[in-house]
Amino acid sequence: MSNWNRPAEYDPNQASRSMALHGQAPDKAKLKNEFGFEDDEDVVSDGSGEMEGGDHEDISDSKDVSKLKAAIQRLENENQGLTDKLTRSEETLEEFKQTAKRAAKMKDREMDKMTKEHAKRQKQYAIEMKENDEIIENLHARNNVLEANQKDDVDGAKMKKLIAKQVQSNKAFEKAKKLERECNELKIRLTEREKELRKRIDERDTLVEKYKKMKKKIAATEEESRQKLMKLEHQLQKGGESSEA
């Protein structure tokens, strides 16, 4: 509301009559047009000092002041509403930031865990592949020996042992292939999770920018309302000073 305090001795009837007698009546039509009020036939339309109805003028003055005060009150309410809206927007933005941080930390921990598991499997895979290579190499060597001695009377026990080694080698090879497939699947899942995380980060950044723009817009609207309020208070105070004069 306005900070203008009307003097205790102020008499709107006396002030209005005095201004009218000395040709100092305020241009109420200008005030009404400036703040969007409808024209009132009871308002003095010129500065000739002529009054149209005496007490009628006093009623018009009171209406003007009431309308100005009502306009100021509306602006104050609008300003308060914008302030509350800005506060809620800031709280929502902060809550979203905290949620995004927690989600990012959770995703980071999950990614670290999966990366460690992937590294562990890769290491185990390398060990088993090395063992498999040694088995295959040994198998090839034994096959070469077998082929070289096929014309001779080869001990049946050696043949059975060689076959068992070959079966073992085949099992190790299948196990290595299975581990390789699992490793590739894990890589694919890690890539998909990374894409999902990046998408959520982009969505978070977009929402943050949206809230920043909203905050700026609300602040600009609030400043505009504040300027209108100051203008109305100044006009009301100016009208009061003219009435006292």
C-alpha atoms as a PDB file:
ATOM      1  CA  MET A   1       0.000   0.000   0.000  1.00  0.00           C
ATOM      2  CA  SER A   2       1.031   3.634  -0.249  1.00  0.00           C
ATOM      3  CA  ASN A   3       3.383   5.121   2.326  1.00  0.00           C
ATOM      4  CA  TRP A   4       1.550   8.487   2.021  1.00  0.00           C
ATOM      5  CA  ASN A   5      -0.022   9.396   5.344  1.00  0.00           C
ATOM      6  CA  ARG A   6      -2.836  11.904   5.157  1.00  0.00           C
ATOM      7  CA  PRO A   7      -2.489  14.678   7.795  1.00  0.00           C
ATOM      8  CA  ALA A   8      -4.853  14.395  10.750  1.00  0.00           C
ATOM      9  CA  GLU A   9      -6.387  17.766   9.993  1.00  0.00           C
ATOM     10  CA  TYR A  10      -7.128  16.854   6.392  1.00  0.00           C
ATOM     11  CA  ASP A  11     -10.749  17.593   5.424  1.00  0.00           C
ATOM     12  CA  PRO A  12     -11.546  16.335   1.885  1.00  0.00           C
ATOM     13  CA  ASN A  13     -14.625  18.585   1.653  1.00  0.00           C
ATOM     14  CA  GLN A  14     -12.725  21.703   2.692  1.00  0.00           C
ATOM     15  CA  ALA A  15      -9.731  20.859   0.501  1.00  0.00           C
ATOM     16  CA  SER A  16     -11.901  20.206  -2.518  1.00  0.00           C
ATOM     17  CA  ARG A  17     -13.835  23.482  -2.086  1.00  0.00           C
ATOM     18  CA  SER A  18     -10.622  25.457  -1.568  1.00  0.00           C
ATOM     19  CA  MET A  19      -9.055  24.016  -4.705  1.00  0.00           C
ATOM     20  CA  ALA A  20     -12.174  24.651  -6.722  1.00  0.00           C
ATOM     21  CA  LEU A  21     -12.377  28.298  -5.543  1.00  0.00           C
ATOM     22  CA  HIS A  22      -8.742  28.978  -6.508  1.00  0.00           C
ATOM     23  CA  GLY A  23      -8.891  27.152  -9.827  1.00  0.00           C
ATOM     24  CA  GLN A  24      -6.554  24.371  -8.630  1.00  0.00           C
ATOM     25  CA  ALA A  25      -8.804  21.333  -9.017  1.00  0.00           C
ATOM     26  CA  PRO A  26      -6.780  18.263 -10.113  1.00  0.00           C
ATOM     27  CA  ASP A  27      -7.308  16.903 -13.580  1.00  0.00           C
ATOM     28  CA  LYS A  28      -9.219  13.802 -12.518  1.00  0.00           C
ATOM     29  CA  ALA A  29     -10.120  12.874 -16.068  1.00  0.00           C
ATOM     30  CA  LYS A  30      -6.390  12.520 -16.804  1.00  0.00           C
ATOM     31  CA  LEU A  31      -5.896  10.371 -13.705  1.00  0.00           C
ATOM     32  CA  LYS A  32      -8.866   8.178 -14.633  1.00  0.00           C
ATOM     33  CA  ASN A  33      -7.689   7.708 -18.219  1.00  0.00           C
ATOM     34  CA  GLU A  34      -4.132   6.926 -17.119  1.00  0.00           C
ATOM     35  CA  PHE A  35      -5.165   4.135 -14.745  1.00  0.00           C
ATOM     36  CA  GLY A  36      -8.042   2.755 -16.797  1.00  0.00           C
ATOM     37  CA  PHE A  37     -10.973   4.151 -14.796  1.00  0.00           C
ATOM     38  CA  GLU A  38     -14.223   5.006 -16.492  1.00  0.00           C
ATOM     39  CA  ASP A  39     -15.101   8.660 -16.891  1.00  0.00           C
ATOM     40  CA  ASP A  40     -17.356  10.100 -14.191  1.00  0.00           C
ATOM     41  CA  GLU A  41     -19.679  12.982 -15.006  1.00  0.00           C
ATOM     42  CA  ASP A  42     -19.336  14.180 -11.392  1.00  0.00           C
ATOM     43  CA  VAL A  43     -15.625  14.941 -11.842  1.00  0.00           C
ATOM     44  CA  VAL A  44     -14.586  18.525 -12.623  1.00  0.00           C
ATOM     45  CA  SER A  45     -13.671  18.517 -16.316  1.00  0.00           C
ATOM     46  CA  ASP A  46     -11.752  21.816 -16.524  1.00  0.00           C
ATOM     47  CA  GLY A  47      -9.600  24.087 -14.357  1.00  0.00           C
ATOM     48  CA  SER A  48     -11.944  27.035 -14.286  1.00  0.00           C
ATOM     49  CA  GLY A  49     -12.695  26.589 -10.587  1.00  0.00           C
ATOM     50  CA  GLU A  50     -16.389  25.948 -11.320  1.00  0.00           C
ATOM     51  CA  MET A  51     -17.836  23.072  -9.260  1.00  0.00           C
ATOM     52  CA  GLU A  52     -20.655  20.859 -10.456  1.00  0.00           C
ATOM     53  CA  GLY A  53     -22.687  20.079  -7.451  1.00  0.00           C
ATOM     54  CA  GLY A  54     -20.538  20.791  -4.366  1.00  0.00           C
ATOM     55  CA  ASP A  55     -20.895  17.647  -2.333  1.00  0.00           C
ATOM     56  CA  HIS A  56     -20.993  15.704  -5.567  1.00  0.00           C
ATOM     57  CA  GLU A  57     -17.337  16.684  -6.108  1.00  0.00           C
ATOM     58  CA  ASP A  58     -16.383  15.347  -2.691  1.00  0.00           C
ATOM     59  CA  ILE A  59     -17.986  11.990  -3.478  1.00  0.00           C
ATOM     60  CA  SER A  60     -16.044  11.847  -6.775  1.00  0.00           C
ATOM     61  CA  ASP A  61     -12.777  12.559  -4.905  1.00  0.00           C
ATOM     62  CA  SER A  62     -13.503   9.721  -2.528  1.00  0.00           C
ATOM     63  CA  LYS A  63     -14.269   7.388  -5.436  1.00  0.00           C
ATOM     64  CA  ASP A  64     -11.009   8.305  -7.165  1.00  0.00           C
ATOM     65  CA  VAL A  65      -8.991   7.593  -4.044  1.00  0.00           C
ATOM     66  CA  SER A  66     -10.838   4.321  -3.488  1.00  0.00           C
ATOM     67  CA  LYS A  67     -10.208   3.241  -7.070  1.00  0.00           C
ATOM     68  CA  LEU A  68      -6.521   4.134  -6.813  1.00  0.00           C
ATOM     69  CA  LYS A  69      -6.240   2.217  -3.564  1.00  0.00           C
ATOM     70  CA  ALA A  70      -8.048  -0.744  -5.118  1.00  0.00           C
ATOM     71  CA  ALA A  71      -5.674  -0.673  -8.094  1.00  0.00           C
ATOM     72  CA  ILE A  72      -2.696  -0.564  -5.756  1.00  0.00           C
ATOM     73  CA  GLN A  73      -4.105  -3.465  -3.741  1.00  0.00           C
ATOM     74  CA  ARG A  74      -4.599  -5.509  -6.930  1.00  0.00           C
ATOM     75  CA  LEU A  75      -1.002  -4.866  -7.956  1.00  0.00           C
ATOM     76  CA  GLU A  76       0.226  -5.803  -4.499  1.00  0.00           C
ATOM     77  CA  ASN A  77      -1.768  -9.043  -4.610  1.00  0.00           C
ATOM     78  CA  GLU A  78      -0.439  -9.789  -8.089  1.00  0.00           C
ATOM     79  CA  ASN A  79       3.096  -9.022  -6.921  1.00  0.00           C
ATOM     80  CA  GLN A  80       2.702 -11.330  -3.912  1.00  0.00           C
ATOM     81  CA  GLY A  81       1.322 -14.072  -6.140  1.00  0.00           C
ATOM     82  CA  LEU A  82       4.318 -13.786  -8.462  1.00  0.00           C
ATOM     83  CA  THR A  83       6.673 -13.862  -5.487  1.00  0.00           C
ATOM     84  CA  ASP A  84       5.002 -17.013  -4.153  1.00  0.00           C
ATOM     85  CA  LYS A  85       5.135 -18.592  -7.585  1.00  0.00           C
ATOM     86  CA  LEU A  86       8.837 -17.773  -7.895  1.00  0.00           C
ATOM     87  CA  THR A  87       9.485 -19.288  -4.459  1.00  0.00           C
ATOM     88  CA  ARG A  88       7.641 -22.470  -5.398  1.00  0.00           C
ATOM     89  CA  SER A  89       9.534 -22.664  -8.684  1.00  0.00           C
ATOM     90  CA  GLU A  90      12.857 -22.308  -6.886  1.00  0.00           C
ATOM     91  CA  GLU A  91      11.872 -25.013  -4.384  1.00  0.00           C
ATOM     92  CA  THR A  92      10.795 -27.343  -7.201  1.00  0.00           C
ATOM     93  CA  LEU A  93      14.031 -26.655  -9.084  1.00  0.00           C
ATOM     94  CA  GLU A  94      16.131 -27.387  -5.993  1.00  0.00           C
ATOM     95  CA  GLU A  95      14.186 -30.585  -5.313  1.00  0.00           C
ATOM     96  CA  PHE A  96      14.695 -31.695  -8.901  1.00  0.00           C
ATOM     97  CA  LYS A  97      18.423 -30.929  -8.711  1.00  0.00           C
ATOM     98  CA  GLN A  98      18.769 -33.037  -5.567  1.00  0.00           C
ATOM     99  CA  THR A  99      16.810 -35.895  -7.147  1.00  0.00           C
ATOM    100  CA  ALA A 100      18.967 -35.711 -10.283  1.00  0.00           C
ATOM    101  CA  LYS A 101      22.128 -35.759  -8.156  1.00  0.00           C
ATOM    102  CA  ARG A 102      20.949 -38.812  -6.235  1.00  0.00           C
ATOM    103  CA  ALA A 103      19.991 -40.593  -9.469  1.00  0.00           C
ATOM    104  CA  ALA A 104      23.358 -39.728 -11.029  1.00  0.00           C
ATOM    105  CA  LYS A 105      25.239 -41.035  -7.980  1.00  0.00           C
ATOM    106  CA  MET A 106      23.200 -44.243  -8.019  1.00  0.00           C
ATOM    107  CA  LYS A 107      23.889 -44.699 -11.729  1.00  0.00           C
ATOM    108  CA  ASP A 108      27.593 -44.000 -11.167  1.00  0.00           C
ATOM    109  CA  ARG A 109      27.768 -46.669  -8.464  1.00  0.00           C
ATOM    110  CA  GLU A 110      25.941 -49.125 -10.697  1.00  0.00           C
ATOM    111  CA  MET A 111      28.242 -48.353 -13.621  1.00  0.00           C
ATOM    112  CA  ASP A 112      31.327 -48.779 -11.397  1.00  0.00           C
ATOM    113  CA  LYS A 113      30.030 -52.133 -10.150  1.00  0.00           C
ATOM    114  CA  MET A 114      29.311 -53.365 -13.663  1.00  0.00           C
ATOM    115  CA  THR A 115      32.697 -52.122 -14.884  1.00  0.00           C
ATOM    116  CA  LYS A 116      34.478 -54.025 -12.110  1.00  0.00           C
ATOM    117  CA  GLU A 117      32.481 -57.169 -12.875  1.00  0.00           C
ATOM    118  CA  HIS A 118      33.301 -56.739 -16.545  1.00  0.00           C
ATOM    119  CA  ALA A 119      37.019 -56.363 -15.780  1.00  0.00           C
ATOM    120  CA  LYS A 120      36.924 -59.438 -13.535  1.00  0.00           C
ATOM    121  CA  ARG A 121      35.241 -61.501 -16.245  1.00  0.00           C
ATOM    122  CA  GLN A 122      37.674 -60.244 -18.828  1.00  0.00           C
ATOM    123  CA  LYS A 123      40.579 -61.303 -16.642  1.00  0.00           C
ATOM    124  CA  GLN A 124      39.063 -64.740 -16.064  1.00  0.00           C
ATOM    125  CA  TYR A 125      38.332 -65.011 -19.756  1.00  0.00           C
ATOM    126  CA  ALA A 126      41.967 -64.229 -20.605  1.00  0.00           C
ATOM    127  CA  ILE A 127      43.184 -66.904 -18.167  1.00  0.00           C
ATOM    128  CA  GLU A 128      40.841 -69.548 -19.561  1.00  0.00           C
ATOM    129  CA  MET A 129      41.686 -68.610 -23.129  1.00  0.00           C
ATOM    130  CA  LYS A 130      45.383 -69.038 -22.323  1.00  0.00           C
ATOM    131  CA  GLU A 131      44.695 -72.442 -20.780  1.00  0.00           C
ATOM    132  CA  ASN A 132      42.590 -73.350 -23.777  1.00  0.00           C
ATOM    133  CA  ASP A 133      45.377 -72.337 -26.163  1.00  0.00           C
ATOM    134  CA  GLU A 134      47.818 -74.530 -24.247  1.00  0.00           C
ATOM    135  CA  ILE A 135      45.399 -77.463 -24.392  1.00  0.00           C
ATOM    136  CA  ILE A 136      44.821 -77.005 -28.117  1.00  0.00           C
ATOM    137  CA  GLU A 137      48.551 -76.695 -28.739  1.00  0.00           C
ATOM    138  CA  ASN A 138      49.164 -79.890 -26.787  1.00  0.00           C
ATOM    139  CA  LEU A 139      46.353 -81.578 -28.664  1.00  0.00           C
ATOM    140  CA  HIS A 140      47.828 -80.621 -32.027  1.00  0.00           C
ATOM    141  CA  ALA A 141      51.213 -81.926 -30.935  1.00  0.00           C
ATOM    142  CA  ARG A 142      49.696 -85.232 -29.857  1.00  0.00           C
ATOM    143  CA  ASN A 143      47.738 -85.458 -33.096  1.00  0.00           C
ATOM    144  CA  ASN A 144      50.943 -84.927 -35.032  1.00  0.00           C
ATOM    145  CA  VAL A 145      52.615 -87.691 -33.049  1.00  0.00           C
ATOM    146  CA  LEU A 146      49.601 -89.925 -33.593  1.00  0.00           C
ATOM    147  CA  GLU A 147      49.574 -89.312 -37.326  1.00  0.00           C
ATOM    148  CA  ALA A 148      53.312 -90.019 -37.495  1.00  0.00           C
ATOM    149  CA  ASN A 149      52.911 -93.307 -35.653  1.00  0.00           C
ATOM    150  CA  GLN A 150      49.633 -94.479 -37.197  1.00  0.00           C
ATOM    151  CA  LYS A 151      51.492 -97.110 -39.232  1.00  0.00           C
ATOM    152  CA  ASP A 152      52.985 -98.546 -36.052  1.00  0.00           C
ATOM    153  CA  ASP A 153      51.230-100.512 -33.383  1.00  0.00           C
ATOM    154  CA  VAL A 154      50.016 -97.628 -31.195  1.00  0.00           C
ATOM    155  CA  ASP A 155      49.066 -98.477 -27.627  1.00  0.00           C
ATOM    156  CA  GLY A 156      45.278 -98.354 -27.193  1.00  0.00           C
ATOM    157  CA  ALA A 157      45.645 -96.689 -23.794  1.00  0.00           C
ATOM    158  CA  LYS A 158      47.514 -93.773 -25.357  1.00  0.00           C
ATOM    159  CA  MET A 159      44.738 -93.363 -27.901  1.00  0.00           C
ATOM    160  CA  LYS A 160      42.096 -93.257 -25.178  1.00  0.00           C
ATOM    161  CA  LYS A 161      44.137 -90.701 -23.262  1.00  0.00           C
ATOM    162  CA  LEU A 162      44.499 -88.565 -26.369  1.00  0.00           C
ATOM    163  CA  ILE A 163      40.760 -88.739 -27.016  1.00  0.00           C
ATOM    164  CA  ALA A 164      40.038 -87.729 -23.411  1.00  0.00           C
ATOM    165  CA  LYS A 165      42.389 -84.772 -23.789  1.00  0.00           C
ATOM    166  CA  GLN A 166      40.605 -83.775 -26.966  1.00  0.00           C
ATOM    167  CA  VAL A 167      37.218 -83.923 -25.244  1.00  0.00           C
ATOM    168  CA  GLN A 168      38.595 -81.809 -22.397  1.00  0.00           C
ATOM    169  CA  SER A 169      39.979 -79.339 -24.905  1.00  0.00           C
ATOM    170  CA  ASN A 170      36.636 -79.096 -26.662  1.00  0.00           C
ATOM    171  CA  LYS A 171      34.847 -78.429 -23.365  1.00  0.00           C
ATOM    172  CA  ALA A 172      37.352 -75.722 -22.453  1.00  0.00           C
ATOM    173  CA  PHE A 173      36.927 -74.163 -25.879  1.00  0.00           C
ATOM    174  CA  GLU A 174      33.129 -74.141 -25.547  1.00  0.00           C
ATOM    175  CA  LYS A 175      33.436 -72.601 -22.097  1.00  0.00           C
ATOM    176  CA  ALA A 176      35.725 -69.909 -23.487  1.00  0.00           C
ATOM    177  CA  LYS A 177      33.258 -69.159 -26.287  1.00  0.00           C
ATOM    178  CA  LYS A 178      30.412 -68.923 -23.791  1.00  0.00           C
ATOM    179  CA  LEU A 179      32.421 -66.532 -21.631  1.00  0.00           C
ATOM    180  CA  GLU A 180      33.179 -64.443 -24.694  1.00  0.00           C
ATOM    181  CA  ARG A 181      29.467 -64.208 -25.527  1.00  0.00           C
ATOM    182  CA  GLU A 182      28.649 -63.156 -21.967  1.00  0.00           C
ATOM    183  CA  CYS A 183      31.385 -60.549 -22.135  1.00  0.00           C
ATOM    184  CA  ASN A 184      29.947 -59.131 -25.357  1.00  0.00           C
ATOM    185  CA  GLU A 185      26.444 -59.064 -23.864  1.00  0.00           C
ATOM    186  CA  LEU A 186      27.783 -57.216 -20.846  1.00  0.00           C
ATOM    187  CA  LYS A 187      29.426 -54.652 -23.120  1.00  0.00           C
ATOM    188  CA  ILE A 188      26.114 -54.116 -24.901  1.00  0.00           C
ATOM    189  CA  ARG A 189      24.249 -53.623 -21.610  1.00  0.00           C
ATOM    190  CA  LEU A 190      26.884 -51.187 -20.396  1.00  0.00           C
ATOM    191  CA  THR A 191      26.574 -49.208 -23.622  1.00  0.00           C
ATOM    192  CA  GLU A 192      22.772 -49.110 -23.333  1.00  0.00           C
ATOM    193  CA  ARG A 193      22.930 -47.988 -19.704  1.00  0.00           C
ATOM    194  CA  GLU A 194      25.431 -45.299 -20.617  1.00  0.00           C
ATOM    195  CA  LYS A 195      23.081 -44.007 -23.342  1.00  0.00           C
ATOM    196  CA  GLU A 196      20.174 -44.009 -20.899  1.00  0.00           C
ATOM    197  CA  LEU A 197      22.198 -42.091 -18.324  1.00  0.00           C
ATOM    198  CA  ARG A 198      23.265 -39.507 -20.892  1.00  0.00           C
ATOM    199  CA  LYS A 199      19.640 -39.123 -21.982  1.00  0.00           C
ATOM    200  CA  ARG A 200      18.535 -38.485 -18.395  1.00  0.00           C
ATOM    201  CA  ILE A 201      21.350 -35.990 -17.902  1.00  0.00           C
ATOM    202  CA  ASP A 202      20.241 -34.140 -21.063  1.00  0.00           C
ATOM    203  CA  GLU A 203      16.630 -34.134 -19.815  1.00  0.00           C
ATOM    204  CA  ARG A 204      17.792 -32.768 -16.472  1.00  0.00           C
ATOM    205  CA  ASP A 205      19.813 -30.001 -18.164  1.00  0.00           C
ATOM    206  CA  THR A 206      16.817 -29.124 -20.356  1.00  0.00           C
ATOM    207  CA  LEU A 207      14.528 -28.883 -17.336  1.00  0.00           C
ATOM    208  CA  VAL A 208      17.075 -26.759 -15.464  1.00  0.00           C
ATOM    209  CA  GLU A 209      17.247 -24.334 -18.399  1.00  0.00           C
ATOM    210  CA  LYS A 210      13.445 -24.236 -18.520  1.00  0.00           C
ATOM    211  CA  TYR A 211      13.260 -23.313 -14.831  1.00  0.00           C
ATOM    212  CA  LYS A 212      15.944 -20.651 -15.297  1.00  0.00           C
ATOM    213  CA  LYS A 213      13.918 -19.040 -18.082  1.00  0.00           C
ATOM    214  CA  MET A 214      10.754 -19.234 -15.961  1.00  0.00           C
ATOM    215  CA  LYS A 215      12.592 -17.645 -13.060  1.00  0.00           C
ATOM    216  CA  LYS A 216      13.787 -14.764 -15.254  1.00  0.00           C
ATOM    217  CA  LYS A 217      10.279 -14.282 -16.659  1.00  0.00           C
ATOM    218  CA  ILE A 218       8.727 -14.209 -13.187  1.00  0.00           C
ATOM    219  CA  ALA A 219      11.389 -11.786 -11.968  1.00  0.00           C
ATOM    220  CA  ALA A 220      10.712  -9.488 -14.937  1.00  0.00           C
ATOM    221  CA  THR A 221       6.959  -9.611 -14.314  1.00  0.00           C
ATOM    222  CA  GLU A 222       7.524  -8.929 -10.642  1.00  0.00           C
ATOM    223  CA  GLU A 223       9.686  -5.906 -11.468  1.00  0.00           C
ATOM    224  CA  GLU A 224       7.044  -4.612 -13.885  1.00  0.00           C
ATOM    225  CA  SER A 225       4.373  -4.948 -11.185  1.00  0.00           C
ATOM    226  CA  ARG A 226       6.612  -3.177  -8.713  1.00  0.00           C
ATOM    227  CA  GLN A 227       7.102  -0.268 -11.127  1.00  0.00           C
ATOM    228  CA  LYS A 228       3.334  -0.010 -11.683  1.00  0.00           C
ATOM    229  CA  LEU A 229       2.774  -0.059  -7.943  1.00  0.00           C
ATOM    230  CA  MET A 230       5.315   2.719  -7.377  1.00  0.00           C
ATOM    231  CA  LYS A 231       3.705   4.740 -10.143  1.00  0.00           C
ATOM    232  CA  LEU A 232       0.256   4.389  -8.583  1.00  0.00           C
ATOM    233  CA  GLU A 233       1.558   5.291  -5.133  1.00  0.00           C
ATOM    234  CA  HIS A 234       3.305   8.329  -6.550  1.00  0.00           C
ATOM    235  CA  GLN A 235       0.161   9.393  -8.394  1.00  0.00           C
ATOM    236  CA  LEU A 236      -1.959   8.880  -5.275  1.00  0.00           C
ATOM    237  CA  GLN A 237       0.464  10.871  -3.155  1.00  0.00           C
ATOM    238  CA  LYS A 238       0.604  13.605  -5.764  1.00  0.00           C
ATOM    239  CA  GLY A 239      -3.201  13.788  -5.839  1.00  0.00           C
ATOM    240  CA  GLY A 240      -3.283  13.987  -2.017  1.00  0.00           C
ATOM    241  CA  GLU A 241      -0.762  16.818  -1.952  1.00  0.00           C
ATOM    242  CA  SER A 242      -2.783  18.704  -4.545  1.00  0.00           C
ATOM    243  CA  SER A 243      -5.915  18.231  -2.439  1.00  0.00           C
ATOM    244  CA  GLU A 244      -4.161  19.567   0.678  1.00  0.00           C
ATOM    245  CA  ALA A 245      -2.960  22.591  -1.245  1.00  0.00           C
END
